[in-house]
Protein backbone atom coordinates (compact mmCIF):
# COMPACT_ATOMS: atom_id res chain seq x y z
CA UNK A 1 -0.05 -0.29 0.07
CA UNK A 2 1.40 3.36 -1.06
CA UNK A 3 1.85 6.03 1.82
CA UNK A 4 -0.83 8.45 1.48
CA UNK A 5 0.73 11.39 -0.17
CA UNK A 6 -2.01 14.14 0.20
CA UNK A 7 -3.07 15.57 3.90
CA UNK A 8 -2.03 12.75 6.25
CA UNK A 9 -4.77 13.00 9.38
CA UNK A 10 -3.40 10.73 11.82
CA UNK A 11 -5.86 8.86 14.10
CA UNK A 12 -5.22 6.34 16.95
CA UNK A 13 -7.77 3.40 17.45
CA UNK A 14 -7.54 0.88 19.71
CA UNK A 15 -7.38 -2.82 18.46
CA UNK A 16 -9.13 -5.18 21.03
CA UNK A 17 -8.54 -8.96 20.67
CA UNK A 18 -10.43 -11.63 23.01
CA UNK A 19 -9.57 -15.23 23.63
CA UNK A 20 -9.64 -18.11 25.81
CA UNK A 21 -6.94 -19.85 27.72
CA UNK A 22 -8.51 -22.69 29.85
CA UNK A 23 -10.84 -21.09 31.95
CA UNK A 24 -9.88 -17.28 31.78
CA UNK A 25 -11.11 -14.99 29.06
CA UNK A 26 -8.89 -12.68 28.47
CA UNK A 27 -8.60 -9.11 26.24
CA UNK A 28 -5.77 -7.83 24.57
CA UNK A 29 -6.20 -3.81 23.51
CA UNK A 30 -3.48 -2.36 21.87
CA UNK A 31 -3.74 1.32 20.21
CA UNK A 32 -2.58 1.90 16.52
CA UNK A 33 -2.15 5.00 14.50
CA UNK A 34 -3.82 5.29 11.27
CA UNK A 35 -2.97 5.13 8.21
CA UNK A 36 -0.80 2.05 9.59
CA UNK A 37 2.83 2.83 8.36
CA UNK A 38 4.55 -0.52 9.52
CA UNK A 39 4.47 -4.08 8.25
CA UNK A 40 1.35 -6.22 9.34
CA UNK A 41 3.73 -9.15 10.15
CA UNK A 42 6.28 -7.47 11.99
CA UNK A 43 3.79 -5.72 14.11
CA UNK A 44 1.69 -9.23 14.68
CA UNK A 45 5.23 -10.49 15.74
CA UNK A 46 6.42 -7.53 18.12
CA UNK A 47 2.92 -7.92 19.90
CA UNK A 48 3.12 -11.89 20.43
CA UNK A 49 6.57 -11.31 21.68
CA UNK A 50 6.21 -8.74 23.97
CA UNK A 51 2.60 -9.73 25.52
CA UNK A 52 3.91 -13.45 25.46
CA UNK A 53 1.05 -14.57 23.96
CA UNK A 54 0.35 -18.32 23.46
CA UNK A 55 1.51 -20.16 20.27
CA UNK A 56 -2.20 -21.27 19.61
CA UNK A 57 -3.71 -18.02 18.97
CA UNK A 58 -1.13 -16.50 16.69
CA UNK A 59 -2.87 -17.28 13.21
CA UNK A 60 -6.00 -16.37 14.42
CA UNK A 61 -4.56 -12.94 15.64
CA UNK A 62 -2.71 -12.18 12.48
CA UNK A 63 -6.01 -12.86 10.38
CA UNK A 64 -7.95 -10.51 13.15
CA UNK A 65 -5.12 -7.94 12.74
CA UNK A 66 -5.27 -7.77 8.92
CA UNK A 67 -9.42 -7.82 8.93
CA UNK A 68 -9.04 -5.01 11.28
CA UNK A 69 -6.39 -2.81 9.92
CA UNK A 70 -7.96 -3.11 6.44
CA UNK A 71 -11.41 -2.31 7.46
CA UNK A 72 -10.18 0.97 9.23
CA UNK A 73 -8.32 1.82 6.52
CA UNK A 74 -11.29 1.83 3.95
CA UNK A 75 -13.35 3.31 6.31
CA UNK A 76 -10.66 6.66 6.51
CA UNK A 77 -10.65 6.41 2.63
CA UNK A 78 -14.38 6.69 2.63
CA UNK A 79 -14.55 9.54 4.96
CA UNK A 80 -11.58 11.37 2.79
CA UNK A 81 -13.67 10.43 -0.20
CA UNK A 82 -16.86 12.35 1.16
CA UNK A 83 -15.14 15.35 2.33
CA UNK A 84 -13.60 15.56 -1.14
CA UNK A 85 -17.07 15.41 -2.97
CA UNK A 86 -18.29 18.05 -0.15
CA UNK A 87 -15.35 20.39 -1.27
CA UNK A 88 -16.37 19.91 -4.80
CA UNK A 89 -20.47 20.31 -4.27
CA UNK A 90 -19.66 23.21 -2.03
CA UNK A 91 -17.77 25.06 -4.84
CA UNK A 92 -14.59 24.52 -2.70
CA UNK A 93 -12.76 22.92 -5.20
CA UNK A 94 -12.67 23.73 -9.33
CA UNK A 95 -14.42 20.80 -10.78
CA UNK A 96 -13.31 21.58 -14.21
CA UNK A 97 -9.52 21.94 -13.49
CA UNK A 98 -9.68 18.69 -11.11
CA UNK A 99 -11.02 16.78 -14.20
CA UNK A 100 -8.01 18.18 -16.35
CA UNK A 101 -5.87 16.74 -13.51
CA UNK A 102 -7.42 13.48 -13.95
CA UNK A 103 -7.48 13.05 -17.50
CA UNK A 104 -3.65 14.36 -17.72
CA UNK A 105 -2.73 11.47 -15.19
CA UNK A 106 -4.78 8.90 -17.06
CA UNK A 107 -3.11 9.48 -20.29
CA UNK A 108 0.64 9.49 -18.56
CA UNK A 109 0.06 6.10 -17.00
CA UNK A 110 -2.56 4.63 -19.76
CA UNK A 111 -0.41 3.71 -23.14
CA UNK A 112 -3.51 3.29 -24.98
CA UNK A 113 -4.89 6.62 -24.40
CA UNK A 114 -1.49 8.36 -24.61
CA UNK A 115 -0.60 10.51 -27.38
CA UNK A 116 1.39 8.95 -29.61
CA UNK A 117 5.17 9.90 -29.66
CA UNK A 118 6.52 12.48 -31.88
CA UNK A 119 9.54 12.46 -34.14
CA UNK A 120 12.29 14.94 -33.13
CA UNK A 121 14.15 17.38 -35.38
CA UNK A 122 17.36 14.97 -35.67
CA UNK A 123 14.98 11.95 -36.81
CA UNK A 124 13.04 14.33 -39.51
CA UNK A 125 16.10 15.83 -40.63
CA UNK A 126 17.68 12.34 -40.64
CA UNK A 127 15.04 10.85 -42.70
CA UNK A 128 15.14 14.09 -45.17
CA UNK A 129 18.83 13.48 -45.39
CA UNK A 130 19.01 10.02 -46.24
CA UNK A 131 16.40 10.18 -49.01
CA UNK A 132 18.25 13.25 -50.60
CA UNK A 133 22.17 11.58 -50.70
CA UNK A 134 20.48 8.87 -52.15
CA UNK A 135 18.89 10.74 -55.26
CA UNK A 136 20.23 12.82 -57.73
CA UNK A 137 20.50 15.66 -55.13
CA UNK A 138 23.52 14.42 -53.66
CA UNK A 139 26.11 16.16 -56.06
CA UNK A 140 24.16 19.79 -54.86
CA UNK A 141 24.74 18.15 -51.03
CA UNK A 142 28.32 17.48 -51.45
CA UNK A 143 28.84 20.67 -53.42
CA UNK A 144 27.59 23.21 -50.69
CA UNK A 145 29.05 20.69 -47.93
CA UNK A 146 32.48 21.58 -49.88
CA UNK A 147 31.68 25.34 -49.91
CA UNK A 148 31.23 25.50 -46.47
CA UNK A 149 34.52 23.41 -45.65
CA UNK A 150 36.35 25.98 -47.70
CA UNK A 151 35.04 29.05 -45.94
CA UNK A 152 35.88 27.38 -42.49
CA UNK A 153 39.31 26.36 -43.88
CA UNK A 154 39.98 30.35 -44.80
CA UNK A 155 39.03 31.16 -41.31
CA UNK A 156 41.29 28.81 -39.81
CA UNK A 157 44.00 29.87 -42.07
CA UNK A 158 43.75 33.43 -40.99
CA UNK A 159 43.14 32.19 -37.26
CA UNK A 160 46.84 31.01 -37.75
CA UNK A 161 48.12 33.56 -39.57
CA UNK A 162 47.61 36.12 -37.07
CA UNK A 163 48.56 33.71 -34.12
CA UNK A 164 52.09 33.10 -36.19
CA UNK A 165 52.85 37.00 -36.63
CA UNK A 166 51.63 37.50 -32.90
CA UNK A 167 54.08 34.70 -31.37
CA UNK A 168 56.85 36.03 -33.40
CA UNK A 169 56.18 39.63 -32.39
CA UNK A 170 55.92 38.21 -29.15
CA UNK A 171 59.20 36.45 -29.25
CA UNK A 172 61.30 39.52 -30.61
CA UNK A 173 60.17 41.97 -27.26
CA UNK A 174 61.25 38.81 -25.43
CA UNK A 175 64.51 38.77 -27.28
CA UNK A 176 65.19 42.60 -26.81
CA UNK A 177 64.09 42.29 -22.66
CA UNK A 178 66.51 39.39 -22.34
CA UNK A 179 69.25 41.31 -23.94
CA UNK A 180 68.13 44.13 -20.97
CA UNK A 181 67.90 41.64 -18.45
CA UNK A 182 70.41 42.57 -15.53
CA UNK A 183 71.47 46.03 -16.83
CA UNK A 184 68.01 47.96 -16.95
CA UNK A 185 65.53 45.32 -16.57
CA UNK A 186 64.55 42.39 -13.14
CA UNK A 187 63.28 39.36 -13.81
CA UNK A 188 59.77 40.82 -12.54
CA UNK A 189 59.73 42.75 -15.75
CA UNK A 190 60.52 39.66 -17.40
CA UNK A 191 57.58 37.58 -15.82
CA UNK A 192 55.24 40.66 -16.31
CA UNK A 193 56.10 40.78 -19.94
CA UNK A 194 55.54 37.19 -20.05
CA UNK A 195 52.21 37.76 -18.49
CA UNK A 196 50.97 40.25 -20.70
CA UNK A 197 51.96 37.80 -23.53
CA UNK A 198 50.19 34.83 -22.50
CA UNK A 199 46.99 36.91 -22.17
CA UNK A 200 47.33 38.51 -25.32
CA UNK A 201 47.62 34.73 -26.83
CA UNK A 202 44.15 33.94 -25.01
CA UNK A 203 42.61 36.96 -26.15
CA UNK A 204 43.33 36.28 -29.66
CA UNK A 205 42.66 32.52 -29.47
CA UNK A 206 39.19 33.24 -27.62
CA UNK A 207 38.10 35.80 -29.92
CA UNK A 208 39.00 33.18 -32.98
CA UNK A 209 37.48 30.43 -31.29
CA UNK A 210 34.29 32.67 -30.66
CA UNK A 211 34.13 33.62 -34.52
CA UNK A 212 34.60 30.12 -35.34
CA UNK A 213 32.01 28.80 -33.24
CA UNK A 214 29.13 31.51 -34.58
CA UNK A 215 30.26 30.77 -38.24
CA UNK A 216 29.45 27.17 -37.52
CA UNK A 217 26.15 27.47 -35.67
CA UNK A 218 25.13 29.74 -39.07
CA UNK A 219 26.38 27.13 -41.40
CA UNK A 220 24.51 24.14 -39.62
CA UNK A 221 21.22 26.36 -39.44
CA UNK A 222 21.44 27.16 -42.81
CA UNK A 223 22.19 23.71 -44.42
CA UNK A 224 19.41 21.93 -42.10
CA UNK A 225 16.68 24.65 -43.28
CA UNK A 226 17.95 24.40 -47.09
CA UNK A 227 18.12 20.28 -47.02
CA UNK A 228 14.76 20.73 -45.52
CA UNK A 229 13.50 23.03 -48.08
CA UNK A 230 14.96 21.13 -51.19
CA UNK A 231 13.26 17.91 -49.86
CA UNK A 232 9.87 19.40 -49.69
CA UNK A 233 10.33 21.25 -53.52
CA UNK A 234 11.32 17.75 -54.85
CA UNK A 235 8.02 16.13 -53.59
CA UNK A 236 5.84 18.70 -54.80
CA UNK A 237 5.05 17.22 -58.55
CA UNK A 238 3.90 20.73 -59.91
CA UNK A 239 7.87 22.32 -59.25
CA UNK A 240 9.82 20.83 -62.44
CA UNK A 241 12.45 23.91 -62.47
CA UNK A 242 13.97 22.07 -59.32
CA UNK A 243 14.32 18.42 -60.84
CA UNK A 244 15.53 20.63 -64.08
CA UNK A 245 18.25 22.25 -61.93
CA UNK A 246 19.79 19.22 -60.40
CA UNK A 247 20.10 17.80 -63.53
CA UNK A 248 21.94 20.42 -65.03
CA UNK A 249 23.99 21.21 -61.75
CA UNK A 250 27.63 22.00 -62.68
CA UNK A 251 30.41 20.86 -60.22
CA UNK A 252 31.22 24.12 -59.36
CA UNK A 253 33.10 24.14 -56.31
CA UNK A 254 34.91 26.85 -54.19
CA UNK A 255 38.76 26.48 -54.52
CA UNK A 256 40.72 27.51 -51.60
CA UNK A 257 44.00 29.58 -51.46
CA UNK A 258 47.07 26.87 -52.67
CA UNK A 259 49.77 27.10 -50.56
CA UNK A 260 48.10 27.87 -47.06
CA UNK A 261 48.93 24.99 -45.64
CA UNK A 262 45.47 23.37 -45.32
CA UNK A 263 45.93 21.11 -48.17
CA UNK A 264 47.29 17.57 -47.39
CA UNK A 265 49.58 15.91 -49.26
CA UNK A 266 48.67 11.78 -49.72
CA UNK A 267 51.89 9.70 -49.73
CA UNK A 268 52.71 6.80 -50.95
CA UNK A 269 50.26 3.88 -49.84
CA UNK A 270 51.43 0.89 -49.15
CA UNK A 271 48.16 -1.58 -49.18
CA UNK A 272 47.67 -5.38 -48.98
CA UNK A 273 43.84 -6.82 -49.19
CA UNK A 274 43.27 -10.18 -47.95
CA UNK A 275 40.00 -12.36 -47.95
CA UNK A 276 39.48 -14.63 -45.26
CA UNK A 277 37.09 -17.43 -43.47
CA UNK A 278 36.61 -17.68 -39.90
CA UNK A 279 33.89 -20.12 -38.21
CA UNK A 280 34.17 -23.67 -36.73
CA UNK A 281 31.11 -25.07 -38.80
CA UNK A 282 29.58 -21.66 -40.25
CA UNK A 283 32.09 -19.91 -41.82
CA UNK A 284 31.73 -16.22 -42.48
CA UNK A 285 33.61 -14.44 -44.98
CA UNK A 286 35.79 -11.34 -43.88
CA UNK A 287 37.83 -8.68 -45.85
CA UNK A 288 41.36 -7.62 -44.19
CA UNK A 289 43.69 -4.87 -45.27
CA UNK A 290 46.92 -3.86 -43.93
CA UNK A 291 47.69 -0.25 -44.93
CA UNK A 292 50.92 1.78 -44.43
CA UNK A 293 49.25 5.13 -43.36
CA UNK A 294 48.37 7.95 -40.75
CA UNK A 295 45.61 7.21 -38.75
CA UNK A 296 44.04 10.70 -39.52
CA UNK A 297 43.83 10.38 -43.34
CA UNK A 298 41.00 8.50 -43.05
CA UNK A 299 39.66 11.49 -41.13
CA UNK A 300 40.95 14.42 -43.52
CA UNK A 301 39.44 15.69 -46.69
CA UNK A 302 40.96 14.29 -49.79
CA UNK A 303 40.86 16.18 -53.42
CA UNK A 304 40.57 14.71 -56.39
CA UNK A 305 42.49 16.94 -58.77
CA UNK A 306 41.62 15.41 -62.11
CA UNK A 307 38.10 16.35 -61.97
CA UNK A 308 38.55 19.56 -60.04
CA UNK A 309 38.45 20.16 -55.75
CA UNK A 310 35.93 17.84 -54.79
CA UNK A 311 35.08 16.26 -51.04
CA UNK A 312 35.97 12.61 -51.07
CA UNK A 313 33.12 11.52 -49.26
CA UNK A 314 30.37 10.70 -51.25
CA UNK A 315 30.15 6.74 -50.04
CA UNK A 316 30.45 8.30 -46.37
CA UNK A 317 27.55 10.36 -46.55
CA UNK A 318 25.26 7.70 -47.96
CA UNK A 319 26.03 5.17 -45.23
CA UNK A 320 25.63 7.69 -42.58
CA UNK A 321 22.20 6.57 -41.46
CA UNK A 322 22.48 2.88 -42.81
CA UNK A 323 23.83 -0.70 -41.19
CA UNK A 324 27.28 -0.52 -42.65
CA UNK A 325 28.81 2.58 -40.63
CA UNK A 326 32.66 2.64 -40.30
CA UNK A 327 35.09 3.11 -37.42
CA UNK A 328 38.28 4.07 -36.29
CA UNK A 329 40.23 3.44 -33.31
CA UNK A 330 42.71 6.26 -31.95
CA UNK A 331 44.75 5.82 -29.16
CA UNK A 332 44.66 8.73 -25.98
CA UNK A 333 45.92 9.21 -22.99
CA UNK A 334 44.07 8.94 -20.07
CA UNK A 335 42.67 12.71 -20.12
CA UNK A 336 39.48 13.54 -21.95
CA UNK A 337 40.71 16.62 -23.79
CA UNK A 338 41.83 17.78 -27.18
CA UNK A 339 44.61 19.79 -26.07
CA UNK A 340 47.57 17.73 -27.19
CA UNK A 341 49.07 14.86 -29.18
CA UNK A 342 46.76 12.62 -31.44
CA UNK A 343 43.66 14.17 -29.80
CA UNK A 344 44.49 17.95 -30.83
CA UNK A 345 45.31 16.69 -34.64
CA UNK A 346 41.63 15.03 -34.81
CA UNK A 347 40.22 17.83 -33.23
CA UNK A 348 41.51 20.18 -35.59
CA UNK A 349 40.29 17.87 -38.26
CA UNK A 350 36.81 17.96 -36.77
CA UNK A 351 36.63 21.93 -36.78
CA UNK A 352 38.02 22.16 -40.13
CA UNK A 353 34.33 21.33 -41.39
CA UNK A 354 31.04 21.66 -40.12
CA UNK A 355 29.21 19.08 -38.54
CA UNK A 356 25.37 19.14 -39.72
CA UNK A 357 24.20 16.16 -38.01
CA UNK A 358 26.07 15.86 -34.50
CA UNK A 359 27.18 17.97 -31.88
CA UNK A 360 31.00 19.28 -32.29
CA UNK A 361 33.52 17.53 -30.74
CA UNK A 362 34.45 19.78 -27.81
CA UNK A 363 30.29 19.28 -26.87
CA UNK A 364 30.71 15.75 -26.90
CA UNK A 365 33.94 15.67 -25.12
CA UNK A 366 32.01 17.59 -22.38
CA UNK A 367 29.25 15.09 -22.43
CA UNK A 368 32.07 12.21 -22.11
CA UNK A 369 33.40 14.01 -19.27
CA UNK A 370 30.11 14.29 -17.13
CA UNK A 371 29.62 10.97 -17.75
CA UNK A 372 32.78 9.52 -16.71
CA UNK A 373 32.39 11.81 -13.40
CA UNK A 374 28.96 10.05 -12.49
CA UNK A 375 30.66 6.78 -13.19
CA UNK A 376 33.62 7.31 -11.24
CA UNK A 377 31.32 8.74 -8.09
CA UNK A 378 29.84 5.28 -8.23
CA UNK A 379 32.75 3.39 -8.40
CA UNK A 380 34.46 5.24 -5.50
CA UNK A 381 31.39 4.92 -3.37
CA UNK A 382 31.56 1.44 -3.62
CA UNK A 383 34.85 1.09 -3.09
CA UNK A 384 34.92 2.86 0.11
CA UNK A 385 32.39 0.78 1.60
CA UNK A 386 34.36 -2.16 0.04
CA UNK A 387 37.67 -1.03 1.75
CA UNK A 388 36.90 0.58 4.92
CA UNK A 389 38.08 -2.10 6.81
CA UNK A 390 41.06 -2.62 4.60
CA UNK A 391 44.75 -1.87 5.29
CA UNK A 392 46.55 1.04 4.91
CA UNK A 393 47.99 0.14 1.02
CA UNK A 394 44.04 0.06 0.28
CA UNK A 395 43.65 3.23 1.69
CA UNK A 396 46.35 4.91 -0.37
CA UNK A 397 45.06 3.45 -3.75
CA UNK A 398 41.44 4.52 -3.02
CA UNK A 399 42.66 7.99 -2.34
CA UNK A 400 44.52 8.07 -5.65
CA UNK A 401 41.01 6.72 -7.61
CA UNK A 402 39.81 9.62 -5.49
CA UNK A 403 42.35 12.15 -6.66
CA UNK A 404 41.89 11.23 -10.69
CA UNK A 405 37.87 10.87 -10.76
CA UNK A 406 38.00 12.75 -13.98
CA UNK A 407 40.77 10.59 -16.00
CA UNK A 408 40.05 6.84 -17.68
CA UNK A 409 41.73 4.06 -17.30
CA UNK A 410 43.80 1.75 -19.88
CA UNK A 411 41.71 -0.04 -21.63
CA UNK A 412 38.38 2.05 -21.33
CA UNK A 413 37.23 3.90 -24.38
CA UNK A 414 34.73 6.63 -25.20
CA UNK A 415 32.84 7.10 -28.48
CA UNK A 416 32.30 10.38 -30.51
CA UNK A 417 30.07 10.44 -33.44
CA UNK A 418 31.02 12.37 -36.60
CA UNK A 419 29.32 12.89 -40.34
CA UNK A 420 31.98 15.74 -41.34
CA UNK A 421 34.78 13.41 -41.50
CA UNK A 422 36.03 11.90 -44.91
CA UNK A 423 35.93 7.98 -44.47
CA UNK A 424 34.52 7.27 -40.98
CA UNK A 425 31.14 7.85 -38.94
CA UNK A 426 32.65 6.61 -35.39
CA UNK A 427 35.91 7.35 -33.39
CA UNK A 428 36.84 5.08 -30.76
CA UNK A 429 39.35 7.36 -28.11
CA UNK A 430 41.03 3.85 -26.42
CA UNK A 431 43.36 4.91 -23.43
CA UNK A 432 46.46 3.15 -23.28
CA UNK A 433 49.81 4.01 -21.19
CA UNK A 434 53.51 3.70 -21.45
CA UNK A 435 53.36 -0.27 -20.90
CA UNK A 436 52.43 -0.45 -24.94
CA UNK A 437 55.47 0.84 -25.82
CA UNK A 438 57.29 -2.06 -24.05
CA UNK A 439 57.45 -5.56 -25.21
CA UNK A 440 55.94 -7.31 -22.35
CA UNK A 441 52.10 -6.74 -23.77
CA UNK A 442 50.40 -9.78 -22.91
CA UNK A 443 46.57 -11.08 -24.77
CA UNK A 444 45.43 -9.98 -21.18
CA UNK A 445 46.80 -6.12 -21.01
CA UNK A 446 44.18 -3.60 -20.90
CA UNK A 447 44.50 -2.32 -24.51
CA UNK A 448 43.90 -5.72 -26.08
CA UNK A 449 41.10 -6.67 -24.13
CA UNK A 450 39.75 -2.53 -25.24
CA UNK A 451 40.08 -4.15 -28.66
CA UNK A 452 38.05 -6.91 -27.80
CA UNK A 453 35.39 -4.76 -26.08
CA UNK A 454 35.35 -2.17 -29.41
CA UNK A 455 34.83 -5.05 -31.55
CA UNK A 456 31.64 -6.26 -29.28
CA UNK A 457 30.18 -2.41 -29.91
CA UNK A 458 30.70 -2.88 -33.42
CA UNK A 459 28.72 -5.65 -33.67
CA UNK A 460 25.61 -4.43 -31.59
CA UNK A 461 25.84 -1.01 -32.91
CA UNK A 462 26.29 -1.70 -36.94
CA UNK A 463 29.84 -0.82 -37.40
CA UNK A 464 31.15 -2.97 -40.42
CA UNK A 465 34.37 -1.40 -41.03
CA UNK A 466 36.89 -0.93 -37.96
CA UNK A 467 40.84 0.45 -38.86
CA UNK A 468 42.98 -0.28 -35.93
CA UNK A 469 46.53 0.35 -35.19
CA UNK A 470 48.35 -2.86 -35.62
CA UNK A 471 51.48 -2.60 -33.31
CA UNK A 472 48.98 -0.43 -30.38
CA UNK A 473 51.24 2.66 -31.55
CA UNK A 474 51.02 6.07 -34.11
CA UNK A 475 54.45 6.57 -34.37
CA UNK A 476 57.57 4.34 -34.26
CA UNK A 477 60.65 4.96 -31.69
CA UNK A 478 63.93 3.93 -31.45
CA UNK A 479 63.01 0.98 -29.18
CA UNK A 480 60.73 -0.78 -31.94
CA UNK A 481 62.94 -2.82 -33.49
CA UNK A 482 62.00 -5.57 -36.16
CA UNK A 483 61.61 -8.10 -34.07
CA UNK A 484 59.62 -5.98 -31.45
CA UNK A 485 57.42 -5.07 -34.71
CA UNK A 486 57.09 -9.07 -35.55
CA UNK A 487 56.47 -10.03 -31.92
CA UNK A 488 53.68 -6.94 -31.34
CA UNK A 489 52.07 -7.52 -35.01
CA UNK A 490 51.73 -11.31 -34.27
CA UNK A 491 49.87 -10.83 -30.67
CA UNK A 492 47.27 -8.54 -32.05
CA UNK A 493 46.60 -10.51 -35.33
CA UNK A 494 46.08 -13.60 -32.94
CA UNK A 495 44.11 -11.39 -30.72
CA UNK A 496 41.94 -9.75 -33.39
CA UNK A 497 41.26 -13.33 -34.92
CA UNK A 498 39.79 -14.60 -31.74
CA UNK A 499 37.84 -11.51 -30.80
CA UNK A 500 36.48 -12.21 -34.54
CA UNK A 501 35.47 -15.66 -34.10
CA UNK A 502 33.66 -14.39 -31.14
CA UNK A 503 32.01 -12.18 -33.18
CA UNK A 504 29.87 -14.63 -34.88
CA UNK A 505 28.53 -15.32 -31.82
CA UNK A 506 27.54 -12.01 -30.67
CA UNK A 507 25.68 -11.11 -34.27
CA UNK A 508 25.29 -14.49 -36.15
CA UNK A 509 27.98 -14.10 -38.46
CA UNK A 510 28.12 -10.59 -40.35
CA UNK A 511 30.83 -9.93 -42.87
CA UNK A 512 33.22 -7.08 -41.72
CA UNK A 513 36.26 -5.04 -43.10
CA UNK A 514 39.03 -4.78 -40.53
CA UNK A 515 41.84 -2.82 -41.59
CA UNK A 516 45.40 -2.82 -39.88
CA UNK A 517 47.03 0.20 -40.14
CA UNK A 518 50.96 0.44 -39.52
CA UNK A 519 52.93 3.91 -38.77
CA UNK A 520 54.27 5.72 -42.09
CA UNK A 521 57.67 5.62 -40.94
CA UNK A 522 57.52 2.33 -40.78
CA UNK A 523 60.31 0.55 -43.79
CA UNK A 524 58.87 -1.36 -46.73
CA UNK A 525 60.72 -4.50 -46.17
CA UNK A 526 59.02 -4.45 -42.45
CA UNK A 527 55.77 -3.91 -44.01
CA UNK A 528 55.96 -6.71 -46.61
CA UNK A 529 57.18 -8.99 -43.65
CA UNK A 530 54.02 -8.03 -41.70
CA UNK A 531 51.81 -9.07 -44.90
CA UNK A 532 53.49 -12.22 -45.16
CA UNK A 533 52.38 -13.14 -41.57
CA UNK A 534 48.72 -12.17 -41.93
CA UNK A 535 47.81 -15.27 -44.07
CA UNK A 536 50.24 -18.08 -41.82
CA UNK A 537 47.54 -16.54 -38.90
CA UNK A 538 44.05 -16.26 -40.70
CA UNK A 539 42.85 -18.64 -43.18
CA UNK A 540 43.34 -17.04 -46.20
CA UNK A 541 40.73 -18.26 -49.03
CA UNK A 542 42.32 -19.76 -52.31
CA UNK A 543 41.70 -18.58 -55.72
CA UNK A 544 40.69 -21.00 -58.45
CA UNK A 545 41.98 -21.30 -62.15
CA UNK A 546 39.28 -22.07 -64.28
CA UNK A 547 40.06 -23.28 -67.66
CA UNK A 548 38.00 -24.82 -70.62
CA UNK A 549 38.50 -28.17 -71.83
CA UNK A 550 38.18 -28.51 -75.91
């Protein structure tokens, strides 16, 4: 029974129970407060214990107590109902307002009479975009996206030029001050100038950040409104001018200024492709690719010089709202940010083109940070209860966990969604530590287990193409010798093979493409050694040569 949430009126009544014990006639009188909040079974047990009642009346007492509480509670409800009806009859309560309240509560609790769920703006826009990108209007969409991309690229170029000039000017000023240090100027003067320089840089960066944010918001609103309007015009059978315009639409794209540093040159790409079959009884065919490329090459916008400057992302756009998504694994540190290393480079690429479908990279990272803080708080509270009677070593470990609640642990990852990158829709940011650069990584290492969990997410969320750093590093260093590379590649190949065989039980056996990427600084000889290793670990499909008999 739910407690009375309305006006509680506590009344005390005497519960009287009569029974015979031999020749004696006994009466038990107990004062009870209504509404009764405690459990009736608990109350019955307390009465038996406190009054030392005989066991042969136990069942009868319980039935009598339940009946008394139920009858008195119903009387209270009837009395409150009569008072409520009198209040309505006398005009103390607005009957229309009461009816509206009842109707609202009934609709919210009864699915049959509830209003159907209305589709959100994002869902409507997704459906409209999916229809247009699979129509002859797809070229118009890509052309418009490219023009927006060029505008943002020009703003970023202007920002970089201004920041470079400011740093050069500040560097010259600092050199002059350092020459006068100890003569006419002191350390305090140098520190003051450094503080002024830092403040000037922050002001300029904030100015450009706000301008880019405003331009991106305007582009996103204009683009979405234009897409909706174009879809409505195409649905109108009387509007033939739009169809004719699409048919004769030329590939006129704005060209960005050459030499501005924002055009990425494609280096020589080494690539080997394999077709494999995995599975014990029901075999599934998968595609494997080994590439020597930069991980961010799948995010940057490529340009087709033969047909003019054009974004190379038609396939990515067509599969944006489909069951064939493309993913990428980025190896990051334990801080959720975009200020250093490959995280900064990835964020720069994301900001070069407006995302018309998902929030920006910074907004997504802020959401991830809030989720991590909430999860860490829950985990910390459980650890406190678990370790409250442990030794001091456990207390030190607990304090360390509390001190770094905003960070993630090795093997954990967070996901960002993108519609403005060249060849991927989803980025898995996998946390790794310095241990991946050593030679003692095993199949139970957090980074390897993180890859397993990423592949499981791919199965449950229709990601059929995934790019993985084969050596679990993005850049080569001196300690990464040929034996180190061969050992690491063999470990990752075997683990991924085992994970892919597990995937058959997760998704029923769906054909997928797994791309293994190695850094561009690796030698060709090393690349082909890795290429020869792959078919030895995986079951590569053999080719058949068919000849006709005369």
